[in-house]
């Protein structure tokens, strides 16, 4: 369904930022259709691969803000771990925390803060 240049470009960007291309086989017995991961990669990472005036750093900051704002902490965690690969510094994430809290509220800010602490602690103990 999502083959060709678009899918390859989306997988390449995902591999560069996240560290995998989303093509891992689903576990045996997974009830989700196998083409779901291709769809997800094409949609979510295809927008990164299309180019345009936003740099990977900008896109990363936007994804962090949007996932925090919508309470998607699993996705926030994934993108926070990968944010240095997109050129995002810890200082920028710290500043983003203020923006999240100001515009999305203290609960969103505190949830993001907890994940930031968790990810940084894990990074430091490696």
C-alpha atoms as a PDB file:
ATOM      1  CA  UNK A   1       0.000   0.000   0.000  1.00  0.00           C
ATOM      2  CA  UNK A   2       2.692   2.508   1.008  1.00  0.00           C
ATOM      3  CA  UNK A   3       5.563   1.286  -1.122  1.00  0.00           C
ATOM      4  CA  UNK A   4       7.842   3.163  -3.428  1.00  0.00           C
ATOM      5  CA  UNK A   5       9.830   6.309  -2.917  1.00  0.00           C
ATOM      6  CA  UNK A   6       7.513   7.808  -0.280  1.00  0.00           C
ATOM      7  CA  UNK A   7       7.754   4.744   1.984  1.00  0.00           C
ATOM      8  CA  UNK A   8      11.534   4.454   1.538  1.00  0.00           C
ATOM      9  CA  UNK A   9      11.999   8.141   2.344  1.00  0.00           C
ATOM     10  CA  UNK A  10       9.760   7.876   5.418  1.00  0.00           C
ATOM     11  CA  UNK A  11      11.646   4.803   6.654  1.00  0.00           C
ATOM     12  CA  UNK A  12      14.989   6.506   6.106  1.00  0.00           C
ATOM     13  CA  UNK A  13      13.987   9.548   8.161  1.00  0.00           C
ATOM     14  CA  UNK A  14      12.576   7.360  10.915  1.00  0.00           C
ATOM     15  CA  UNK A  15      15.813   5.329  10.972  1.00  0.00           C
ATOM     16  CA  UNK A  16      17.872   8.519  11.173  1.00  0.00           C
ATOM     17  CA  UNK A  17      15.855  10.038  14.023  1.00  0.00           C
ATOM     18  CA  UNK A  18      14.447   7.103  16.004  1.00  0.00           C
ATOM     19  CA  UNK A  19      17.055   4.520  15.114  1.00  0.00           C
ATOM     20  CA  UNK A  20      14.875   1.990  13.334  1.00  0.00           C
ATOM     21  CA  UNK A  21      12.821   2.131  10.176  1.00  0.00           C
ATOM     22  CA  UNK A  22       9.578   0.686  11.522  1.00  0.00           C
ATOM     23  CA  UNK A  23       9.834  -2.427   9.397  1.00  0.00           C
ATOM     24  CA  UNK A  24      10.354  -4.935  12.192  1.00  0.00           C
ATOM     25  CA  UNK A  25       8.087  -7.922  11.918  1.00  0.00           C
ATOM     26  CA  UNK A  26       5.091  -7.967  14.207  1.00  0.00           C
ATOM     27  CA  UNK A  27       5.188 -10.529  17.005  1.00  0.00           C
ATOM     28  CA  UNK A  28       3.536 -13.860  16.205  1.00  0.00           C
ATOM     29  CA  UNK A  29      -0.197 -13.751  16.836  1.00  0.00           C
ATOM     30  CA  UNK A  30      -0.386  -9.945  16.607  1.00  0.00           C
ATOM     31  CA  UNK A  31      -4.016  -9.183  15.688  1.00  0.00           C
ATOM     32  CA  UNK A  32      -3.065  -5.897  13.999  1.00  0.00           C
ATOM     33  CA  UNK A  33      -2.851  -6.060  10.185  1.00  0.00           C
ATOM     34  CA  UNK A  34       0.785  -6.301   9.061  1.00  0.00           C
ATOM     35  CA  UNK A  35       0.451  -3.298   6.749  1.00  0.00           C
ATOM     36  CA  UNK A  36      -0.456  -1.055   9.718  1.00  0.00           C
ATOM     37  CA  UNK A  37       3.224  -0.321  10.492  1.00  0.00           C
ATOM     38  CA  UNK A  38       3.818   0.660   6.867  1.00  0.00           C
ATOM     39  CA  UNK A  39       0.818   2.987   7.020  1.00  0.00           C
ATOM     40  CA  UNK A  40       1.946   4.525  10.305  1.00  0.00           C
ATOM     41  CA  UNK A  41       5.504   5.044   9.062  1.00  0.00           C
ATOM     42  CA  UNK A  42       4.314   6.558   5.778  1.00  0.00           C
ATOM     43  CA  UNK A  43       1.970   8.991   7.502  1.00  0.00           C
ATOM     44  CA  UNK A  44       4.018   9.980  10.558  1.00  0.00           C
ATOM     45  CA  UNK A  45       7.482   9.996   9.002  1.00  0.00           C
ATOM     46  CA  UNK A  46       6.466  10.833   5.451  1.00  0.00           C
ATOM     47  CA  UNK A  47       5.654  14.346   6.633  1.00  0.00           C
ATOM     48  CA  UNK A  48       9.258  14.642   7.877  1.00  0.00           C
ATOM     49  CA  UNK A  49      10.614  13.242   4.604  1.00  0.00           C
ATOM     50  CA  UNK A  50       8.700  15.635   2.366  1.00  0.00           C
ATOM     51  CA  UNK A  51      11.106  18.469   3.092  1.00  0.00           C
ATOM     52  CA  UNK A  52       9.981  22.042   3.310  1.00  0.00           C
ATOM     53  CA  UNK A  53      11.129  24.930   5.471  1.00  0.00           C
ATOM     54  CA  UNK A  54      11.043  23.037   8.794  1.00  0.00           C
ATOM     55  CA  UNK A  55      14.325  21.463   9.861  1.00  0.00           C
ATOM     56  CA  UNK A  56      14.362  18.106  11.692  1.00  0.00           C
ATOM     57  CA  UNK A  57      15.051  20.044  14.908  1.00  0.00           C
ATOM     58  CA  UNK A  58      11.899  22.119  14.391  1.00  0.00           C
ATOM     59  CA  UNK A  59       9.822  19.050  13.620  1.00  0.00           C
ATOM     60  CA  UNK A  60      11.149  17.288  16.699  1.00  0.00           C
ATOM     61  CA  UNK A  61      10.248  20.209  18.958  1.00  0.00           C
ATOM     62  CA  UNK A  62       6.782  20.363  17.404  1.00  0.00           C
ATOM     63  CA  UNK A  63       6.203  16.645  17.912  1.00  0.00           C
ATOM     64  CA  UNK A  64       7.346  16.922  21.522  1.00  0.00           C
ATOM     65  CA  UNK A  65       4.962  19.822  22.122  1.00  0.00           C
ATOM     66  CA  UNK A  66       2.022  18.124  20.403  1.00  0.00           C
ATOM     67  CA  UNK A  67       2.468  14.764  22.103  1.00  0.00           C
ATOM     68  CA  UNK A  68       2.775  16.462  25.504  1.00  0.00           C
ATOM     69  CA  UNK A  69      -0.262  18.641  24.803  1.00  0.00           C
ATOM     70  CA  UNK A  70      -2.377  15.640  23.904  1.00  0.00           C
ATOM     71  CA  UNK A  71      -1.108  13.477  26.765  1.00  0.00           C
ATOM     72  CA  UNK A  72       0.608  10.952  24.483  1.00  0.00           C
ATOM     73  CA  UNK A  73       3.435  10.256  26.931  1.00  0.00           C
ATOM     74  CA  UNK A  74       4.541   6.998  25.278  1.00  0.00           C
ATOM     75  CA  UNK A  75       5.141   8.887  22.026  1.00  0.00           C
ATOM     76  CA  UNK A  76       6.610  11.850  23.925  1.00  0.00           C
ATOM     77  CA  UNK A  77       9.120   9.438  25.519  1.00  0.00           C
ATOM     78  CA  UNK A  78      10.098   7.925  22.154  1.00  0.00           C
ATOM     79  CA  UNK A  79      10.608  11.338  20.563  1.00  0.00           C
ATOM     80  CA  UNK A  80      12.379  12.761  23.611  1.00  0.00           C
ATOM     81  CA  UNK A  81      14.922   9.926  23.529  1.00  0.00           C
ATOM     82  CA  UNK A  82      15.468  10.587  19.824  1.00  0.00           C
ATOM     83  CA  UNK A  83      15.438  14.396  19.990  1.00  0.00           C
ATOM     84  CA  UNK A  84      19.255  14.760  20.149  1.00  0.00           C
ATOM     85  CA  UNK A  85      19.403  12.923  16.796  1.00  0.00           C
ATOM     86  CA  UNK A  86      17.272  15.722  15.354  1.00  0.00           C
ATOM     87  CA  UNK A  87      19.530  18.404  16.822  1.00  0.00           C
ATOM     88  CA  UNK A  88      17.453  19.270  19.907  1.00  0.00           C
ATOM     89  CA  UNK A  89      19.457  20.184  23.014  1.00  0.00           C
ATOM     90  CA  UNK A  90      18.520  19.579  26.646  1.00  0.00           C
ATOM     91  CA  UNK A  91      18.316  23.348  27.103  1.00  0.00           C
ATOM     92  CA  UNK A  92      15.723  23.544  24.320  1.00  0.00           C
ATOM     93  CA  UNK A  93      13.698  20.754  25.924  1.00  0.00           C
ATOM     94  CA  UNK A  94      13.897  22.619  29.244  1.00  0.00           C
ATOM     95  CA  UNK A  95      12.523  25.733  27.570  1.00  0.00           C
ATOM     96  CA  UNK A  96       9.854  23.711  25.809  1.00  0.00           C
ATOM     97  CA  UNK A  97       8.685  22.513  29.223  1.00  0.00           C
ATOM     98  CA  UNK A  98       7.802  26.104  30.112  1.00  0.00           C
ATOM     99  CA  UNK A  99       5.818  26.461  26.862  1.00  0.00           C
ATOM    100  CA  UNK A 100       3.988  23.175  27.455  1.00  0.00           C
ATOM    101  CA  UNK A 101       3.051  24.207  30.975  1.00  0.00           C
ATOM    102  CA  UNK A 102       1.990  27.731  29.985  1.00  0.00           C
ATOM    103  CA  UNK A 103      -0.155  26.696  27.033  1.00  0.00           C
ATOM    104  CA  UNK A 104      -1.302  23.177  28.003  1.00  0.00           C
ATOM    105  CA  UNK A 105      -1.482  23.441  31.778  1.00  0.00           C
ATOM    106  CA  UNK A 106       0.368  22.157  34.796  1.00  0.00           C
ATOM    107  CA  UNK A 107      -0.786  18.523  34.423  1.00  0.00           C
ATOM    108  CA  UNK A 108       0.692  18.313  30.910  1.00  0.00           C
ATOM    109  CA  UNK A 109       3.848  20.087  32.050  1.00  0.00           C
ATOM    110  CA  UNK A 110       4.268  17.828  35.061  1.00  0.00           C
ATOM    111  CA  UNK A 111       3.719  14.679  32.980  1.00  0.00           C
ATOM    112  CA  UNK A 112       6.335  15.879  30.488  1.00  0.00           C
ATOM    113  CA  UNK A 113       8.700  16.794  33.317  1.00  0.00           C
ATOM    114  CA  UNK A 114       8.436  13.263  34.742  1.00  0.00           C
ATOM    115  CA  UNK A 115       9.258  11.724  31.374  1.00  0.00           C
ATOM    116  CA  UNK A 116      12.150  14.159  30.843  1.00  0.00           C
ATOM    117  CA  UNK A 117      13.595  13.194  34.217  1.00  0.00           C
ATOM    118  CA  UNK A 118      13.153   9.474  33.458  1.00  0.00           C
ATOM    119  CA  UNK A 119      14.772   9.696  30.006  1.00  0.00           C
ATOM    120  CA  UNK A 120      17.714  11.786  31.232  1.00  0.00           C
ATOM    121  CA  UNK A 121      18.343   9.479  34.178  1.00  0.00           C
ATOM    122  CA  UNK A 122      18.347   6.456  31.865  1.00  0.00           C
ATOM    123  CA  UNK A 123      20.704   8.231  29.478  1.00  0.00           C
ATOM    124  CA  UNK A 124      23.126   9.108  32.282  1.00  0.00           C
ATOM    125  CA  UNK A 125      23.211   5.565  33.686  1.00  0.00           C
ATOM    126  CA  UNK A 126      24.145   3.940  30.380  1.00  0.00           C
END
